[in-house]
Amino acid sequence: MYDSSTQHWEQLMNWQHTTMYLFFAIAGAISLTVHSTDIAPLALDRMLLGLAFFNE
């Protein structure tokens, strides 16, 4: 991510979008789990979606 010899960030936009997609994928997987089973409380769905938007 960071090239210390040139002191520049490498492909920063790619890393930003990868992180954003990862958090939305986790939120989607948890949303499916919460709504299809009774393993976790419903508030977990909204909390992880809020975390994904915060990370964006």
PDB file of N, CA and C in Angstrom:
ATOM      1  N   MET A   1       0.812  -1.190   0.000  1.00  0.00           N
ATOM      2  CA  MET A   1       0.000   0.000   0.000  1.00  0.00           C
ATOM      3  C   MET A   1       0.858   1.258   0.000  1.00  0.00           C
ATOM      4  N   TYR A   2       1.852   1.290   0.830  1.00  0.00           N
ATOM      5  CA  TYR A   2       2.693   2.486   0.930  1.00  0.00           C
ATOM      6  C   TYR A   2       4.110   2.130   0.515  1.00  0.00           C
ATOM      7  N   ASP A   3       4.615   2.815  -0.475  1.00  0.00           N
ATOM      8  CA  ASP A   3       5.977   2.593  -0.952  1.00  0.00           C
ATOM      9  C   ASP A   3       6.907   3.546  -0.214  1.00  0.00           C
ATOM     10  N   SER A   4       7.694   3.005   0.690  1.00  0.00           N
ATOM     11  CA  SER A   4       8.543   3.863   1.520  1.00  0.00           C
ATOM     12  C   SER A   4       9.721   4.444   0.753  1.00  0.00           C
ATOM     13  N   SER A   5      10.126   3.807  -0.334  1.00  0.00           N
ATOM     14  CA  SER A   5      11.261   4.352  -1.085  1.00  0.00           C
ATOM     15  C   SER A   5      10.880   5.626  -1.839  1.00  0.00           C
ATOM     16  N   THR A   6       9.662   5.680  -2.385  1.00  0.00           N
ATOM     17  CA  THR A   6       9.205   6.894  -3.086  1.00  0.00           C
ATOM     18  C   THR A   6       8.295   7.747  -2.221  1.00  0.00           C
ATOM     19  N   GLN A   7       7.929   7.246  -1.068  1.00  0.00           N
ATOM     20  CA  GLN A   7       7.049   7.933  -0.120  1.00  0.00           C
ATOM     21  C   GLN A   7       5.713   8.331  -0.755  1.00  0.00           C
ATOM     22  N   HIS A   8       5.088   7.353  -1.427  1.00  0.00           N
ATOM     23  CA  HIS A   8       3.784   7.563  -2.053  1.00  0.00           C
ATOM     24  C   HIS A   8       2.898   6.354  -1.773  1.00  0.00           C
ATOM     25  N   TRP A   9       1.600   6.600  -1.782  1.00  0.00           N
ATOM     26  CA  TRP A   9       0.630   5.518  -1.667  1.00  0.00           C
ATOM     27  C   TRP A   9       0.459   4.879  -3.034  1.00  0.00           C
ATOM     28  N   GLU A  10       0.365   3.560  -3.068  1.00  0.00           N
ATOM     29  CA  GLU A  10       0.194   2.832  -4.318  1.00  0.00           C
ATOM     30  C   GLU A  10      -1.247   2.362  -4.454  1.00  0.00           C
ATOM     31  N   GLN A  11      -1.893   2.709  -5.542  1.00  0.00           N
ATOM     32  CA  GLN A  11      -3.250   2.266  -5.891  1.00  0.00           C
ATOM     33  C   GLN A  11      -4.217   2.486  -4.738  1.00  0.00           C
ATOM     34  N   LEU A  12      -4.268   3.702  -4.251  1.00  0.00           N
ATOM     35  CA  LEU A  12      -5.082   4.019  -3.079  1.00  0.00           C
ATOM     36  C   LEU A  12      -6.573   3.834  -3.355  1.00  0.00           C
ATOM     37  N   MET A  13      -7.044   4.197  -4.540  1.00  0.00           N
ATOM     38  CA  MET A  13      -8.468   4.059  -4.855  1.00  0.00           C
ATOM     39  C   MET A  13      -8.886   2.592  -4.902  1.00  0.00           C
ATOM     40  N   ASN A  14      -8.015   1.721  -5.392  1.00  0.00           N
ATOM     41  CA  ASN A  14      -8.341   0.297  -5.421  1.00  0.00           C
ATOM     42  C   ASN A  14      -8.501  -0.254  -4.011  1.00  0.00           C
ATOM     43  N   TRP A  15      -7.614   0.144  -3.101  1.00  0.00           N
ATOM     44  CA  TRP A  15      -7.710  -0.319  -1.717  1.00  0.00           C
ATOM     45  C   TRP A  15      -8.955   0.226  -1.037  1.00  0.00           C
ATOM     46  N   GLN A  16      -9.302   1.469  -1.330  1.00  0.00           N
ATOM     47  CA  GLN A  16     -10.490   2.072  -0.721  1.00  0.00           C
ATOM     48  C   GLN A  16     -11.746   1.335  -1.159  1.00  0.00           C
ATOM     49  N   HIS A  17     -11.866   1.058  -2.449  1.00  0.00           N
ATOM     50  CA  HIS A  17     -13.053   0.373  -2.941  1.00  0.00           C
ATOM     51  C   HIS A  17     -13.096  -1.083  -2.480  1.00  0.00           C
ATOM     52  N   THR A  18     -11.955  -1.725  -2.390  1.00  0.00           N
ATOM     53  CA  THR A  18     -11.923  -3.103  -1.891  1.00  0.00           C
ATOM     54  C   THR A  18     -12.413  -3.169  -0.453  1.00  0.00           C
ATOM     55  N   THR A  19     -11.978  -2.248   0.376  1.00  0.00           N
ATOM     56  CA  THR A  19     -12.427  -2.202   1.765  1.00  0.00           C
ATOM     57  C   THR A  19     -13.919  -1.917   1.848  1.00  0.00           C
ATOM     58  N   MET A  20     -14.397  -0.997   1.024  1.00  0.00           N
ATOM     59  CA  MET A  20     -15.813  -0.646   1.025  1.00  0.00           C
ATOM     60  C   MET A  20     -16.665  -1.851   0.615  1.00  0.00           C
ATOM     61  N   TYR A  21     -16.271  -2.544  -0.461  1.00  0.00           N
ATOM     62  CA  TYR A  21     -17.028  -3.711  -0.918  1.00  0.00           C
ATOM     63  C   TYR A  21     -16.990  -4.835   0.108  1.00  0.00           C
ATOM     64  N   LEU A  22     -15.872  -4.996   0.795  1.00  0.00           N
ATOM     65  CA  LEU A  22     -15.762  -6.029   1.818  1.00  0.00           C
ATOM     66  C   LEU A  22     -16.756  -5.795   2.947  1.00  0.00           C
ATOM     67  N   PHE A  23     -16.843  -4.557   3.434  1.00  0.00           N
ATOM     68  CA  PHE A  23     -17.756  -4.276   4.535  1.00  0.00           C
ATOM     69  C   PHE A  23     -19.218  -4.409   4.109  1.00  0.00           C
ATOM     70  N   PHE A  24     -19.553  -4.017   2.876  1.00  0.00           N
ATOM     71  CA  PHE A  24     -20.924  -4.201   2.406  1.00  0.00           C
ATOM     72  C   PHE A  24     -21.243  -5.678   2.185  1.00  0.00           C
ATOM     73  N   ALA A  25     -20.266  -6.476   1.767  1.00  0.00           N
ATOM     74  CA  ALA A  25     -20.487  -7.916   1.619  1.00  0.00           C
ATOM     75  C   ALA A  25     -20.713  -8.574   2.976  1.00  0.00           C
ATOM     76  N   ILE A  26     -19.950  -8.180   3.979  1.00  0.00           N
ATOM     77  CA  ILE A  26     -20.149  -8.712   5.332  1.00  0.00           C
ATOM     78  C   ILE A  26     -21.525  -8.322   5.850  1.00  0.00           C
ATOM     79  N   ALA A  27     -21.930  -7.061   5.623  1.00  0.00           N
ATOM     80  CA  ALA A  27     -23.248  -6.610   6.069  1.00  0.00           C
ATOM     81  C   ALA A  27     -24.351  -7.386   5.360  1.00  0.00           C
ATOM     82  N   GLY A  28     -24.175  -7.674   4.077  1.00  0.00           N
ATOM     83  CA  GLY A  28     -25.170  -8.449   3.336  1.00  0.00           C
ATOM     84  C   GLY A  28     -25.267  -9.884   3.818  1.00  0.00           C
ATOM     85  N   ALA A  29     -24.133 -10.505   4.088  1.00  0.00           N
ATOM     86  CA  ALA A  29     -24.142 -11.885   4.582  1.00  0.00           C
ATOM     87  C   ALA A  29     -24.799 -11.974   5.954  1.00  0.00           C
ATOM     88  N   ILE A  30     -24.505 -11.030   6.823  1.00  0.00           N
ATOM     89  CA  ILE A  30     -25.123 -11.021   8.147  1.00  0.00           C
ATOM     90  C   ILE A  30     -26.615 -10.730   8.034  1.00  0.00           C
ATOM     91  N   SER A  31     -26.994  -9.869   7.101  1.00  0.00           N
ATOM     92  CA  SER A  31     -28.411  -9.567   6.900  1.00  0.00           C
ATOM     93  C   SER A  31     -29.179 -10.819   6.481  1.00  0.00           C
ATOM     94  N   LEU A  32     -28.606 -11.589   5.574  1.00  0.00           N
ATOM     95  CA  LEU A  32     -29.250 -12.841   5.167  1.00  0.00           C
ATOM     96  C   LEU A  32     -29.343 -13.819   6.334  1.00  0.00           C
ATOM     97  N   THR A  33     -28.303 -13.903   7.131  1.00  0.00           N
ATOM     98  CA  THR A  33     -28.298 -14.806   8.280  1.00  0.00           C
ATOM     99  C   THR A  33     -29.323 -14.385   9.324  1.00  0.00           C
ATOM    100  N   VAL A  34     -29.386 -13.089   9.601  1.00  0.00           N
ATOM    101  CA  VAL A  34     -30.310 -12.588  10.629  1.00  0.00           C
ATOM    102  C   VAL A  34     -31.759 -12.815  10.218  1.00  0.00           C
ATOM    103  N   HIS A  35     -32.069 -12.576   8.952  1.00  0.00           N
ATOM    104  CA  HIS A  35     -33.464 -12.667   8.520  1.00  0.00           C
ATOM    105  C   HIS A  35     -33.902 -14.084   8.163  1.00  0.00           C
ATOM    106  N   SER A  36     -32.962 -15.004   7.971  1.00  0.00           N
ATOM    107  CA  SER A  36     -33.351 -16.369   7.639  1.00  0.00           C
ATOM    108  C   SER A  36     -33.289 -17.313   8.838  1.00  0.00           C
ATOM    109  N   THR A  37     -32.584 -16.930   9.891  1.00  0.00           N
ATOM    110  CA  THR A  37     -32.498 -17.763  11.091  1.00  0.00           C
ATOM    111  C   THR A  37     -32.760 -16.905  12.321  1.00  0.00           C
ATOM    112  N   ASP A  38     -32.748 -17.532  13.464  1.00  0.00           N
ATOM    113  CA  ASP A  38     -32.915 -16.812  14.728  1.00  0.00           C
ATOM    114  C   ASP A  38     -31.620 -16.815  15.541  1.00  0.00           C
ATOM    115  N   ILE A  39     -30.496 -16.830  14.853  1.00  0.00           N
ATOM    116  CA  ILE A  39     -29.203 -16.906  15.538  1.00  0.00           C
ATOM    117  C   ILE A  39     -28.835 -15.590  16.211  1.00  0.00           C
ATOM    118  N   ALA A  40     -29.087 -14.484  15.519  1.00  0.00           N
ATOM    119  CA  ALA A  40     -28.637 -13.177  16.008  1.00  0.00           C
ATOM    120  C   ALA A  40     -29.824 -12.216  16.093  1.00  0.00           C
ATOM    121  N   PRO A  41     -29.718 -11.189  16.906  1.00  0.00           N
ATOM    122  CA  PRO A  41     -30.808 -10.204  17.006  1.00  0.00           C
ATOM    123  C   PRO A  41     -30.919  -9.357  15.733  1.00  0.00           C
ATOM    124  N   LEU A  42     -32.098  -8.803  15.503  1.00  0.00           N
ATOM    125  CA  LEU A  42     -32.338  -8.005  14.304  1.00  0.00           C
ATOM    126  C   LEU A  42     -31.504  -6.729  14.271  1.00  0.00           C
ATOM    127  N   ALA A  43     -31.159  -6.205  15.420  1.00  0.00           N
ATOM    128  CA  ALA A  43     -30.384  -4.961  15.460  1.00  0.00           C
ATOM    129  C   ALA A  43     -28.978  -5.142  14.891  1.00  0.00           C
ATOM    130  N   LEU A  44     -28.472  -6.361  14.868  1.00  0.00           N
ATOM    131  CA  LEU A  44     -27.142  -6.611  14.319  1.00  0.00           C
ATOM    132  C   LEU A  44     -27.093  -6.269  12.836  1.00  0.00           C
ATOM    133  N   ASP A  45     -28.181  -6.517  12.136  1.00  0.00           N
ATOM    134  CA  ASP A  45     -28.285  -6.191  10.716  1.00  0.00           C
ATOM    135  C   ASP A  45     -28.079  -4.697  10.482  1.00  0.00           C
ATOM    136  N   ARG A  46     -28.782  -3.896  11.230  1.00  0.00           N
ATOM    137  CA  ARG A  46     -28.697  -2.438  11.052  1.00  0.00           C
ATOM    138  C   ARG A  46     -27.365  -1.877  11.548  1.00  0.00           C
ATOM    139  N   MET A  47     -26.822  -2.492  12.577  1.00  0.00           N
ATOM    140  CA  MET A  47     -25.540  -2.025  13.088  1.00  0.00           C
ATOM    141  C   MET A  47     -24.426  -2.240  12.059  1.00  0.00           C
ATOM    142  N   LEU A  48     -24.396  -3.413  11.433  1.00  0.00           N
ATOM    143  CA  LEU A  48     -23.350  -3.679  10.455  1.00  0.00           C
ATOM    144  C   LEU A  48     -23.543  -2.867   9.181  1.00  0.00           C
ATOM    145  N   LEU A  49     -24.778  -2.585   8.808  1.00  0.00           N
ATOM    146  CA  LEU A  49     -25.008  -1.717   7.656  1.00  0.00           C
ATOM    147  C   LEU A  49     -24.541  -0.299   7.963  1.00  0.00           C
ATOM    148  N   GLY A  50     -24.787   0.162   9.178  1.00  0.00           N
ATOM    149  CA  GLY A  50     -24.283   1.467   9.588  1.00  0.00           C
ATOM    150  C   GLY A  50     -22.766   1.508   9.595  1.00  0.00           C
ATOM    151  N   LEU A  51     -22.140   0.419  10.027  1.00  0.00           N
ATOM    152  CA  LEU A  51     -20.682   0.339  10.014  1.00  0.00           C
ATOM    153  C   LEU A  51     -20.144   0.370   8.585  1.00  0.00           C
ATOM    154  N   ALA A  52     -20.843  -0.296   7.667  1.00  0.00           N
ATOM    155  CA  ALA A  52     -20.413  -0.282   6.265  1.00  0.00           C
ATOM    156  C   ALA A  52     -20.512   1.120   5.675  1.00  0.00           C
ATOM    157  N   PHE A  53     -21.602   1.832   5.982  1.00  0.00           N
ATOM    158  CA  PHE A  53     -21.725   3.200   5.481  1.00  0.00           C
ATOM    159  C   PHE A  53     -20.706   4.127   6.136  1.00  0.00           C
ATOM    160  N   PHE A  54     -20.408   3.904   7.400  1.00  0.00           N
ATOM    161  CA  PHE A  54     -19.395   4.713   8.078  1.00  0.00           C
ATOM    162  C   PHE A  54     -18.022   4.478   7.459  1.00  0.00           C
ATOM    163  N   ASN A  55     -17.750   3.234   7.102  1.00  0.00           N
ATOM    164  CA  ASN A  55     -16.470   2.888   6.495  1.00  0.00           C
ATOM    165  C   ASN A  55     -16.334   3.477   5.099  1.00  0.00           C
ATOM    166  N   GLU A  56     -17.453   3.646   4.432  1.00  0.00           N
ATOM    167  CA  GLU A  56     -17.423   4.203   3.083  1.00  0.00           C
ATOM    168  C   GLU A  56     -16.918   5.622   3.121  1.00  0.00           C
TER     169      GLU A  56
END
